Amino acid sequence: MAGSFLRLEIDTSGIKAMIVEQGYKKVFIKDDCHVLFEDLPDSEENDIDPFDVGMDVVAQLLDLKTCSTAIIFVSPFQVCFRNIDLPFSTEKK
């Protein structure tokens, strides 16, 4: 399976993005960028989400038209996890 995909790593400090070319035996990084949220223009004054601005910067820096697939890694600090306990005692219910 040959082709290229977009790899996004999103954490509290920013967005790391790379376009990865997958060959039959090897994987190559064609292009990459790292956008830090602290380097972006002050979004509190403009009421703009820094994630949206960061993704716009990634779209400007990388050629996303070559990618048909995206793999997204999200930091566990950015996600809310919940455990749900059900009142049923048998597995059939």
PDB file of N, CA and C in Angstrom:
ATOM      1  N   MET A   1       0.843  -1.181   0.000  1.00  0.00           N
ATOM      2  CA  MET A   1       0.000   0.000   0.000  1.00  0.00           C
ATOM      3  C   MET A   1       0.885   1.240   0.000  1.00  0.00           C
ATOM      4  N   ALA A   2       1.038   1.856  -1.129  1.00  0.00           N
ATOM      5  CA  ALA A   2       1.846   3.057  -1.236  1.00  0.00           C
ATOM      6  C   ALA A   2       0.933   4.274  -1.239  1.00  0.00           C
ATOM      7  N   GLY A   3       1.408   5.362  -0.690  1.00  0.00           N
ATOM      8  CA  GLY A   3       0.630   6.596  -0.642  1.00  0.00           C
ATOM      9  C   GLY A   3       1.175   7.508   0.428  1.00  0.00           C
ATOM     10  N   SER A   4       0.548   8.654   0.584  1.00  0.00           N
ATOM     11  CA  SER A   4       0.991   9.588   1.613  1.00  0.00           C
ATOM     12  C   SER A   4      -0.176   9.916   2.530  1.00  0.00           C
ATOM     13  N   PHE A   5       0.168  10.219   3.776  1.00  0.00           N
ATOM     14  CA  PHE A   5      -0.851  10.571   4.754  1.00  0.00           C
ATOM     15  C   PHE A   5      -0.341  11.695   5.630  1.00  0.00           C
ATOM     16  N   LEU A   6      -1.282  12.385   6.265  1.00  0.00           N
ATOM     17  CA  LEU A   6      -0.973  13.484   7.171  1.00  0.00           C
ATOM     18  C   LEU A   6      -0.969  12.951   8.592  1.00  0.00           C
ATOM     19  N   ARG A   7       0.097  13.228   9.313  1.00  0.00           N
ATOM     20  CA  ARG A   7       0.208  12.818  10.720  1.00  0.00           C
ATOM     21  C   ARG A   7       0.152  14.077  11.565  1.00  0.00           C
ATOM     22  N   LEU A   8      -0.860  14.168  12.426  1.00  0.00           N
ATOM     23  CA  LEU A   8      -1.025  15.314  13.319  1.00  0.00           C
ATOM     24  C   LEU A   8      -0.854  14.861  14.757  1.00  0.00           C
ATOM     25  N   GLU A   9      -0.060  15.597  15.505  1.00  0.00           N
ATOM     26  CA  GLU A   9       0.110  15.341  16.934  1.00  0.00           C
ATOM     27  C   GLU A   9      -0.271  16.629  17.666  1.00  0.00           C
ATOM     28  N   ILE A  10      -1.368  16.558  18.420  1.00  0.00           N
ATOM     29  CA  ILE A  10      -1.920  17.739  19.077  1.00  0.00           C
ATOM     30  C   ILE A  10      -1.736  17.598  20.579  1.00  0.00           C
ATOM     31  N   ASP A  11      -1.069  18.584  21.193  1.00  0.00           N
ATOM     32  CA  ASP A  11      -0.910  18.572  22.647  1.00  0.00           C
ATOM     33  C   ASP A  11      -1.128  19.982  23.182  1.00  0.00           C
ATOM     34  N   THR A  12      -0.826  20.184  24.444  1.00  0.00           N
ATOM     35  CA  THR A  12      -1.097  21.478  25.071  1.00  0.00           C
ATOM     36  C   THR A  12      -0.185  22.589  24.564  1.00  0.00           C
ATOM     37  N   SER A  13       0.971  22.243  23.993  1.00  0.00           N
ATOM     38  CA  SER A  13       1.897  23.277  23.539  1.00  0.00           C
ATOM     39  C   SER A  13       1.689  23.680  22.087  1.00  0.00           C
ATOM     40  N   GLY A  14       1.130  22.782  21.266  1.00  0.00           N
ATOM     41  CA  GLY A  14       0.947  23.126  19.869  1.00  0.00           C
ATOM     42  C   GLY A  14       0.584  21.933  19.011  1.00  0.00           C
ATOM     43  N   ILE A  15       0.866  22.081  17.716  1.00  0.00           N
ATOM     44  CA  ILE A  15       0.526  21.062  16.729  1.00  0.00           C
ATOM     45  C   ILE A  15       1.792  20.683  15.972  1.00  0.00           C
ATOM     46  N   LYS A  16       2.078  19.402  15.917  1.00  0.00           N
ATOM     47  CA  LYS A  16       3.162  18.879  15.088  1.00  0.00           C
ATOM     48  C   LYS A  16       2.513  18.160  13.919  1.00  0.00           C
ATOM     49  N   ALA A  17       2.902  18.528  12.712  1.00  0.00           N
ATOM     50  CA  ALA A  17       2.302  17.932  11.525  1.00  0.00           C
ATOM     51  C   ALA A  17       3.396  17.485  10.576  1.00  0.00           C
ATOM     52  N   MET A  18       3.161  16.363   9.922  1.00  0.00           N
ATOM     53  CA  MET A  18       4.092  15.901   8.905  1.00  0.00           C
ATOM     54  C   MET A  18       3.351  15.119   7.833  1.00  0.00           C
ATOM     55  N   ILE A  19       3.842  15.245   6.617  1.00  0.00           N
ATOM     56  CA  ILE A  19       3.332  14.449   5.509  1.00  0.00           C
ATOM     57  C   ILE A  19       4.283  13.279   5.343  1.00  0.00           C
ATOM     58  N   VAL A  20       3.732  12.086   5.453  1.00  0.00           N
ATOM     59  CA  VAL A  20       4.531  10.865   5.427  1.00  0.00           C
ATOM     60  C   VAL A  20       4.218  10.113   4.144  1.00  0.00           C
ATOM     61  N   GLU A  21       5.251   9.768   3.401  1.00  0.00           N
ATOM     62  CA  GLU A  21       5.123   8.980   2.179  1.00  0.00           C
ATOM     63  C   GLU A  21       5.413   7.536   2.534  1.00  0.00           C
ATOM     64  N   GLN A  22       4.439   6.684   2.292  1.00  0.00           N
ATOM     65  CA  GLN A  22       4.576   5.278   2.644  1.00  0.00           C
ATOM     66  C   GLN A  22       4.827   4.480   1.373  1.00  0.00           C
ATOM     67  N   GLY A  23       6.011   3.866   1.306  1.00  0.00           N
ATOM     68  CA  GLY A  23       6.340   3.008   0.185  1.00  0.00           C
ATOM     69  C   GLY A  23       6.036   1.563   0.520  1.00  0.00           C
ATOM     70  N   TYR A  24       6.585   0.670  -0.275  1.00  0.00           N
ATOM     71  CA  TYR A  24       6.332  -0.746  -0.031  1.00  0.00           C
ATOM     72  C   TYR A  24       7.177  -1.295   1.106  1.00  0.00           C
ATOM     73  N   LYS A  25       8.373  -0.743   1.289  1.00  0.00           N
ATOM     74  CA  LYS A  25       9.239  -1.231   2.362  1.00  0.00           C
ATOM     75  C   LYS A  25       9.721  -0.133   3.296  1.00  0.00           C
ATOM     76  N   LYS A  26       9.609   1.115   2.884  1.00  0.00           N
ATOM     77  CA  LYS A  26      10.132   2.213   3.693  1.00  0.00           C
ATOM     78  C   LYS A  26       9.092   3.313   3.843  1.00  0.00           C
ATOM     79  N   VAL A  27       9.315   4.139   4.859  1.00  0.00           N
ATOM     80  CA  VAL A  27       8.462   5.293   5.128  1.00  0.00           C
ATOM     81  C   VAL A  27       9.354   6.533   5.126  1.00  0.00           C
ATOM     82  N   PHE A  28       8.944   7.571   4.397  1.00  0.00           N
ATOM     83  CA  PHE A  28       9.717   8.804   4.294  1.00  0.00           C
ATOM     84  C   PHE A  28       8.872   9.984   4.762  1.00  0.00           C
ATOM     85  N   ILE A  29       9.497  10.905   5.460  1.00  0.00           N
ATOM     86  CA  ILE A  29       8.837  12.154   5.840  1.00  0.00           C
ATOM     87  C   ILE A  29       9.115  13.162   4.731  1.00  0.00           C
ATOM     88  N   LYS A  30       8.071  13.539   3.994  1.00  0.00           N
ATOM     89  CA  LYS A  30       8.229  14.471   2.881  1.00  0.00           C
ATOM     90  C   LYS A  30       8.336  15.911   3.356  1.00  0.00           C
ATOM     91  N   ASP A  31       7.520  16.270   4.352  1.00  0.00           N
ATOM     92  CA  ASP A  31       7.493  17.644   4.843  1.00  0.00           C
ATOM     93  C   ASP A  31       6.950  17.637   6.264  1.00  0.00           C
ATOM     94  N   ASP A  32       7.371  18.618   7.059  1.00  0.00           N
ATOM     95  CA  ASP A  32       6.864  18.686   8.431  1.00  0.00           C
ATOM     96  C   ASP A  32       6.872  20.126   8.918  1.00  0.00           C
ATOM     97  N   CYS A  33       6.104  20.365   9.974  1.00  0.00           N
ATOM     98  CA  CYS A  33       6.091  21.677  10.616  1.00  0.00           C
ATOM     99  C   CYS A  33       5.652  21.503  12.061  1.00  0.00           C
ATOM    100  N   HIS A  34       6.025  22.471  12.882  1.00  0.00           N
ATOM    101  CA  HIS A  34       5.663  22.471  14.298  1.00  0.00           C
ATOM    102  C   HIS A  34       5.159  23.870  14.623  1.00  0.00           C
ATOM    103  N   VAL A  35       3.897  23.964  14.997  1.00  0.00           N
ATOM    104  CA  VAL A  35       3.271  25.246  15.317  1.00  0.00           C
ATOM    105  C   VAL A  35       3.037  25.290  16.817  1.00  0.00           C
ATOM    106  N   LEU A  36       3.660  26.257  17.485  1.00  0.00           N
ATOM    107  CA  LEU A  36       3.453  26.440  18.923  1.00  0.00           C
ATOM    108  C   LEU A  36       2.334  27.446  19.145  1.00  0.00           C
ATOM    109  N   PHE A  37       1.443  27.130  20.078  1.00  0.00           N
ATOM    110  CA  PHE A  37       0.328  28.033  20.359  1.00  0.00           C
ATOM    111  C   PHE A  37       0.815  29.373  20.911  1.00  0.00           C
ATOM    112  N   GLU A  38       1.920  29.372  21.648  1.00  0.00           N
ATOM    113  CA  GLU A  38       2.418  30.627  22.229  1.00  0.00           C
ATOM    114  C   GLU A  38       3.009  31.553  21.172  1.00  0.00           C
ATOM    115  N   ASP A  39       3.398  31.019  20.009  1.00  0.00           N
ATOM    116  CA  ASP A  39       3.948  31.849  18.940  1.00  0.00           C
ATOM    117  C   ASP A  39       2.872  32.470  18.054  1.00  0.00           C
ATOM    118  N   LEU A  40       1.635  32.040  18.213  1.00  0.00           N
ATOM    119  CA  LEU A  40       0.547  32.569  17.391  1.00  0.00           C
ATOM    120  C   LEU A  40       0.135  33.947  17.898  1.00  0.00           C
ATOM    121  N   PRO A  41      -0.494  34.751  17.039  1.00  0.00           N
ATOM    122  CA  PRO A  41      -0.985  36.058  17.502  1.00  0.00           C
ATOM    123  C   PRO A  41      -1.959  35.883  18.659  1.00  0.00           C
ATOM    124  N   ASP A  42      -2.034  36.875  19.514  1.00  0.00           N
ATOM    125  CA  ASP A  42      -2.886  36.798  20.700  1.00  0.00           C
ATOM    126  C   ASP A  42      -4.339  36.624  20.276  1.00  0.00           C
ATOM    127  N   SER A  43      -4.901  35.472  20.605  1.00  0.00           N
ATOM    128  CA  SER A  43      -6.258  35.166  20.166  1.00  0.00           C
ATOM    129  C   SER A  43      -7.308  35.564  21.192  1.00  0.00           C
ATOM    130  N   GLU A  44      -6.900  35.899  22.416  1.00  0.00           N
ATOM    131  CA  GLU A  44      -7.878  36.296  23.429  1.00  0.00           C
ATOM    132  C   GLU A  44      -8.520  37.634  23.077  1.00  0.00           C
ATOM    133  N   GLU A  45      -7.744  38.519  22.489  1.00  0.00           N
ATOM    134  CA  GLU A  45      -8.290  39.817  22.100  1.00  0.00           C
ATOM    135  C   GLU A  45      -9.285  39.666  20.952  1.00  0.00           C
ATOM    136  N   ASN A  46      -8.993  38.779  20.019  1.00  0.00           N
ATOM    137  CA  ASN A  46      -9.836  38.601  18.841  1.00  0.00           C
ATOM    138  C   ASN A  46     -10.906  37.538  19.043  1.00  0.00           C
ATOM    139  N   ASP A  47     -10.905  36.862  20.193  1.00  0.00           N
ATOM    140  CA  ASP A  47     -11.861  35.795  20.501  1.00  0.00           C
ATOM    141  C   ASP A  47     -11.796  34.681  19.454  1.00  0.00           C
ATOM    142  N   ILE A  48     -10.571  34.263  19.112  1.00  0.00           N
ATOM    143  CA  ILE A  48     -10.338  33.200  18.141  1.00  0.00           C
ATOM    144  C   ILE A  48      -9.654  32.043  18.859  1.00  0.00           C
ATOM    145  N   ASP A  49     -10.072  30.833  18.550  1.00  0.00           N
ATOM    146  CA  ASP A  49      -9.487  29.639  19.144  1.00  0.00           C
ATOM    147  C   ASP A  49      -8.076  29.428  18.589  1.00  0.00           C
ATOM    148  N   PRO A  50      -7.057  29.267  19.451  1.00  0.00           N
ATOM    149  CA  PRO A  50      -5.694  29.067  18.948  1.00  0.00           C
ATOM    150  C   PRO A  50      -5.550  27.781  18.139  1.00  0.00           C
ATOM    151  N   PHE A  51      -6.368  26.780  18.413  1.00  0.00           N
ATOM    152  CA  PHE A  51      -6.311  25.549  17.625  1.00  0.00           C
ATOM    153  C   PHE A  51      -6.692  25.818  16.171  1.00  0.00           C
ATOM    154  N   ASP A  52      -7.743  26.615  15.957  1.00  0.00           N
ATOM    155  CA  ASP A  52      -8.163  26.948  14.594  1.00  0.00           C
ATOM    156  C   ASP A  52      -7.073  27.714  13.850  1.00  0.00           C
ATOM    157  N   VAL A  53      -6.453  28.658  14.533  1.00  0.00           N
ATOM    158  CA  VAL A  53      -5.377  29.439  13.917  1.00  0.00           C
ATOM    159  C   VAL A  53      -4.187  28.529  13.612  1.00  0.00           C
ATOM    160  N   GLY A  54      -3.863  27.626  14.539  1.00  0.00           N
ATOM    161  CA  GLY A  54      -2.759  26.695  14.325  1.00  0.00           C
ATOM    162  C   GLY A  54      -2.996  25.772  13.148  1.00  0.00           C
ATOM    163  N   MET A  55      -4.226  25.282  13.002  1.00  0.00           N
ATOM    164  CA  MET A  55      -4.536  24.413  11.868  1.00  0.00           C
ATOM    165  C   MET A  55      -4.490  25.182  10.550  1.00  0.00           C
ATOM    166  N   ASP A  56      -4.866  26.464  10.573  1.00  0.00           N
ATOM    167  CA  ASP A  56      -4.738  27.292   9.375  1.00  0.00           C
ATOM    168  C   ASP A  56      -3.275  27.453   8.981  1.00  0.00           C
ATOM    169  N   VAL A  57      -2.402  27.625   9.966  1.00  0.00           N
ATOM    170  CA  VAL A  57      -0.968  27.746   9.690  1.00  0.00           C
ATOM    171  C   VAL A  57      -0.435  26.442   9.102  1.00  0.00           C
ATOM    172  N   VAL A  58      -0.847  25.310   9.650  1.00  0.00           N
ATOM    173  CA  VAL A  58      -0.427  24.007   9.113  1.00  0.00           C
ATOM    174  C   VAL A  58      -0.883  23.869   7.667  1.00  0.00           C
ATOM    175  N   ALA A  59      -2.111  24.276   7.373  1.00  0.00           N
ATOM    176  CA  ALA A  59      -2.638  24.176   6.011  1.00  0.00           C
ATOM    177  C   ALA A  59      -1.868  25.070   5.039  1.00  0.00           C
ATOM    178  N   GLN A  60      -1.348  26.196   5.522  1.00  0.00           N
ATOM    179  CA  GLN A  60      -0.562  27.080   4.667  1.00  0.00           C
ATOM    180  C   GLN A  60       0.840  26.536   4.425  1.00  0.00           C
ATOM    181  N   LEU A  61       1.417  25.878   5.433  1.00  0.00           N
ATOM    182  CA  LEU A  61       2.801  25.420   5.331  1.00  0.00           C
ATOM    183  C   LEU A  61       2.954  24.092   4.590  1.00  0.00           C
ATOM    184  N   LEU A  62       1.961  23.222   4.673  1.00  0.00           N
ATOM    185  CA  LEU A  62       2.067  21.891   4.074  1.00  0.00           C
ATOM    186  C   LEU A  62       1.119  21.758   2.887  1.00  0.00           C
ATOM    187  N   ASP A  63       1.500  20.925   1.931  1.00  0.00           N
ATOM    188  CA  ASP A  63       0.656  20.640   0.774  1.00  0.00           C
ATOM    189  C   ASP A  63      -0.285  19.494   1.132  1.00  0.00           C
ATOM    190  N   LEU A  64      -1.452  19.833   1.656  1.00  0.00           N
ATOM    191  CA  LEU A  64      -2.387  18.824   2.150  1.00  0.00           C
ATOM    192  C   LEU A  64      -3.144  18.117   1.038  1.00  0.00           C
ATOM    193  N   LYS A  65      -3.069  18.624  -0.185  1.00  0.00           N
ATOM    194  CA  LYS A  65      -3.776  17.986  -1.296  1.00  0.00           C
ATOM    195  C   LYS A  65      -3.167  16.643  -1.668  1.00  0.00           C
ATOM    196  N   THR A  66      -1.935  16.399  -1.264  1.00  0.00           N
ATOM    197  CA  THR A  66      -1.291  15.125  -1.584  1.00  0.00           C
ATOM    198  C   THR A  66      -1.697  14.020  -0.621  1.00  0.00           C
ATOM    199  N   CYS A  67      -2.393  14.365   0.454  1.00  0.00           N
ATOM    200  CA  CYS A  67      -2.763  13.384   1.481  1.00  0.00           C
ATOM    201  C   CYS A  67      -4.224  12.988   1.333  1.00  0.00           C
ATOM    202  N   SER A  68      -4.454  11.686   1.352  1.00  0.00           N
ATOM    203  CA  SER A  68      -5.834  11.200   1.309  1.00  0.00           C
ATOM    204  C   SER A  68      -6.295  10.700   2.671  1.00  0.00           C
ATOM    205  N   THR A  69      -5.357  10.553   3.605  1.00  0.00           N
ATOM    206  CA  THR A  69      -5.659  10.019   4.929  1.00  0.00           C
ATOM    207  C   THR A  69      -4.957  10.867   5.977  1.00  0.00           C
ATOM    208  N   ALA A  70      -5.578  10.982   7.149  1.00  0.00           N
ATOM    209  CA  ALA A  70      -4.956  11.685   8.274  1.00  0.00           C
ATOM    210  C   ALA A  70      -4.987  10.791   9.505  1.00  0.00           C
ATOM    211  N   ILE A  71      -3.891  10.798  10.230  1.00  0.00           N
ATOM    212  CA  ILE A  71      -3.798  10.100  11.508  1.00  0.00           C
ATOM    213  C   ILE A  71      -3.582  11.168  12.565  1.00  0.00           C
ATOM    214  N   ILE A  72      -4.444  11.176  13.582  1.00  0.00           N
ATOM    215  CA  ILE A  72      -4.416  12.236  14.585  1.00  0.00           C
ATOM    216  C   ILE A  72      -4.107  11.636  15.948  1.00  0.00           C
ATOM    217  N   PHE A  73      -3.071  12.163  16.583  1.00  0.00           N
ATOM    218  CA  PHE A  73      -2.711  11.783  17.943  1.00  0.00           C
ATOM    219  C   PHE A  73      -3.073  12.948  18.857  1.00  0.00           C
ATOM    220  N   VAL A  74      -3.868  12.679  19.882  1.00  0.00           N
ATOM    221  CA  VAL A  74      -4.314  13.719  20.803  1.00  0.00           C
ATOM    222  C   VAL A  74      -3.784  13.395  22.193  1.00  0.00           C
ATOM    223  N   SER A  75      -3.226  14.388  22.856  1.00  0.00           N
ATOM    224  CA  SER A  75      -2.720  14.222  24.211  1.00  0.00           C
ATOM    225  C   SER A  75      -3.868  13.878  25.152  1.00  0.00           C
ATOM    226  N   PRO A  76      -3.651  12.984  26.110  1.00  0.00           N
ATOM    227  CA  PRO A  76      -4.724  12.664  27.058  1.00  0.00           C
ATOM    228  C   PRO A  76      -5.122  13.850  27.932  1.00  0.00           C
ATOM    229  N   PHE A  77      -4.295  14.880  27.980  1.00  0.00           N
ATOM    230  CA  PHE A  77      -4.633  16.079  28.740  1.00  0.00           C
ATOM    231  C   PHE A  77      -5.662  16.945  28.006  1.00  0.00           C
ATOM    232  N   GLN A  78      -5.880  16.677  26.734  1.00  0.00           N
ATOM    233  CA  GLN A  78      -6.831  17.437  25.930  1.00  0.00           C
ATOM    234  C   GLN A  78      -8.202  16.768  25.842  1.00  0.00           C
ATOM    235  N   VAL A  79      -8.334  15.560  26.393  1.00  0.00           N
ATOM    236  CA  VAL A  79      -9.555  14.769  26.237  1.00  0.00           C
ATOM    237  C   VAL A  79     -10.142  14.468  27.607  1.00  0.00           C
ATOM    238  N   CYS A  80     -11.447  14.435  27.684  1.00  0.00           N
ATOM    239  CA  CYS A  80     -12.135  14.076  28.926  1.00  0.00           C
ATOM    240  C   CYS A  80     -12.559  12.612  28.843  1.00  0.00           C
ATOM    241  N   PHE A  81     -12.069  11.788  29.778  1.00  0.00           N
ATOM    242  CA  PHE A  81     -12.430  10.378  29.833  1.00  0.00           C
ATOM    243  C   PHE A  81     -13.432  10.170  30.964  1.00  0.00           C
ATOM    244  N   ARG A  82     -14.401   9.305  30.718  1.00  0.00           N
ATOM    245  CA  ARG A  82     -15.376   8.968  31.760  1.00  0.00           C
ATOM    246  C   ARG A  82     -15.574   7.464  31.787  1.00  0.00           C
ATOM    247  N   ASN A  83     -15.698   6.928  32.979  1.00  0.00           N
ATOM    248  CA  ASN A  83     -16.044   5.520  33.149  1.00  0.00           C
ATOM    249  C   ASN A  83     -17.524   5.436  33.483  1.00  0.00           C
ATOM    250  N   ILE A  84     -18.200   4.552  32.804  1.00  0.00           N
ATOM    251  CA  ILE A  84     -19.639   4.402  33.026  1.00  0.00           C
ATOM    252  C   ILE A  84     -19.887   3.048  33.670  1.00  0.00           C
ATOM    253  N   ASP A  85     -20.564   3.049  34.804  1.00  0.00           N
ATOM    254  CA  ASP A  85     -20.969   1.816  35.475  1.00  0.00           C
ATOM    255  C   ASP A  85     -22.459   1.630  35.258  1.00  0.00           C
ATOM    256  N   LEU A  86     -22.803   0.478  34.732  1.00  0.00           N
ATOM    257  CA  LEU A  86     -24.212   0.172  34.510  1.00  0.00           C
ATOM    258  C   LEU A  86     -24.738  -0.663  35.665  1.00  0.00           C
ATOM    259  N   PRO A  87     -26.004  -0.519  35.991  1.00  0.00           N
ATOM    260  CA  PRO A  87     -26.548  -1.235  37.152  1.00  0.00           C
ATOM    261  C   PRO A  87     -26.835  -2.713  36.892  1.00  0.00           C
ATOM    262  N   PHE A  88     -26.507  -3.225  35.712  1.00  0.00           N
ATOM    263  CA  PHE A  88     -26.817  -4.618  35.405  1.00  0.00           C
ATOM    264  C   PHE A  88     -25.752  -5.543  35.970  1.00  0.00           C
ATOM    265  N   SER A  89     -26.187  -6.688  36.446  1.00  0.00           N
ATOM    266  CA  SER A  89     -25.238  -7.638  37.033  1.00  0.00           C
ATOM    267  C   SER A  89     -24.898  -8.781  36.085  1.00  0.00           C
ATOM    268  N   THR A  90     -25.672  -8.977  35.035  1.00  0.00           N
ATOM    269  CA  THR A  90     -25.372 -10.046  34.084  1.00  0.00           C
ATOM    270  C   THR A  90     -24.936  -9.444  32.760  1.00  0.00           C
ATOM    271  N   GLU A  91     -24.140 -10.192  32.021  1.00  0.00           N
ATOM    272  CA  GLU A  91     -23.626  -9.692  30.751  1.00  0.00           C
ATOM    273  C   GLU A  91     -24.679  -9.694  29.654  1.00  0.00           C
ATOM    274  N   LYS A  92     -25.760 -10.449  29.819  1.00  0.00           N
ATOM    275  CA  LYS A  92     -26.794 -10.540  28.792  1.00  0.00           C
ATOM    276  C   LYS A  92     -27.612  -9.256  28.681  1.00  0.00           C
ATOM    277  N   LYS A  93     -27.638  -8.459  29.708  1.00  0.00           N
ATOM    278  CA  LYS A  93     -28.461  -7.246  29.694  1.00  0.00           C
ATOM    279  C   LYS A  93     -27.684  -6.064  29.189  1.00  0.00           C
TER     280      LYS A  93
END
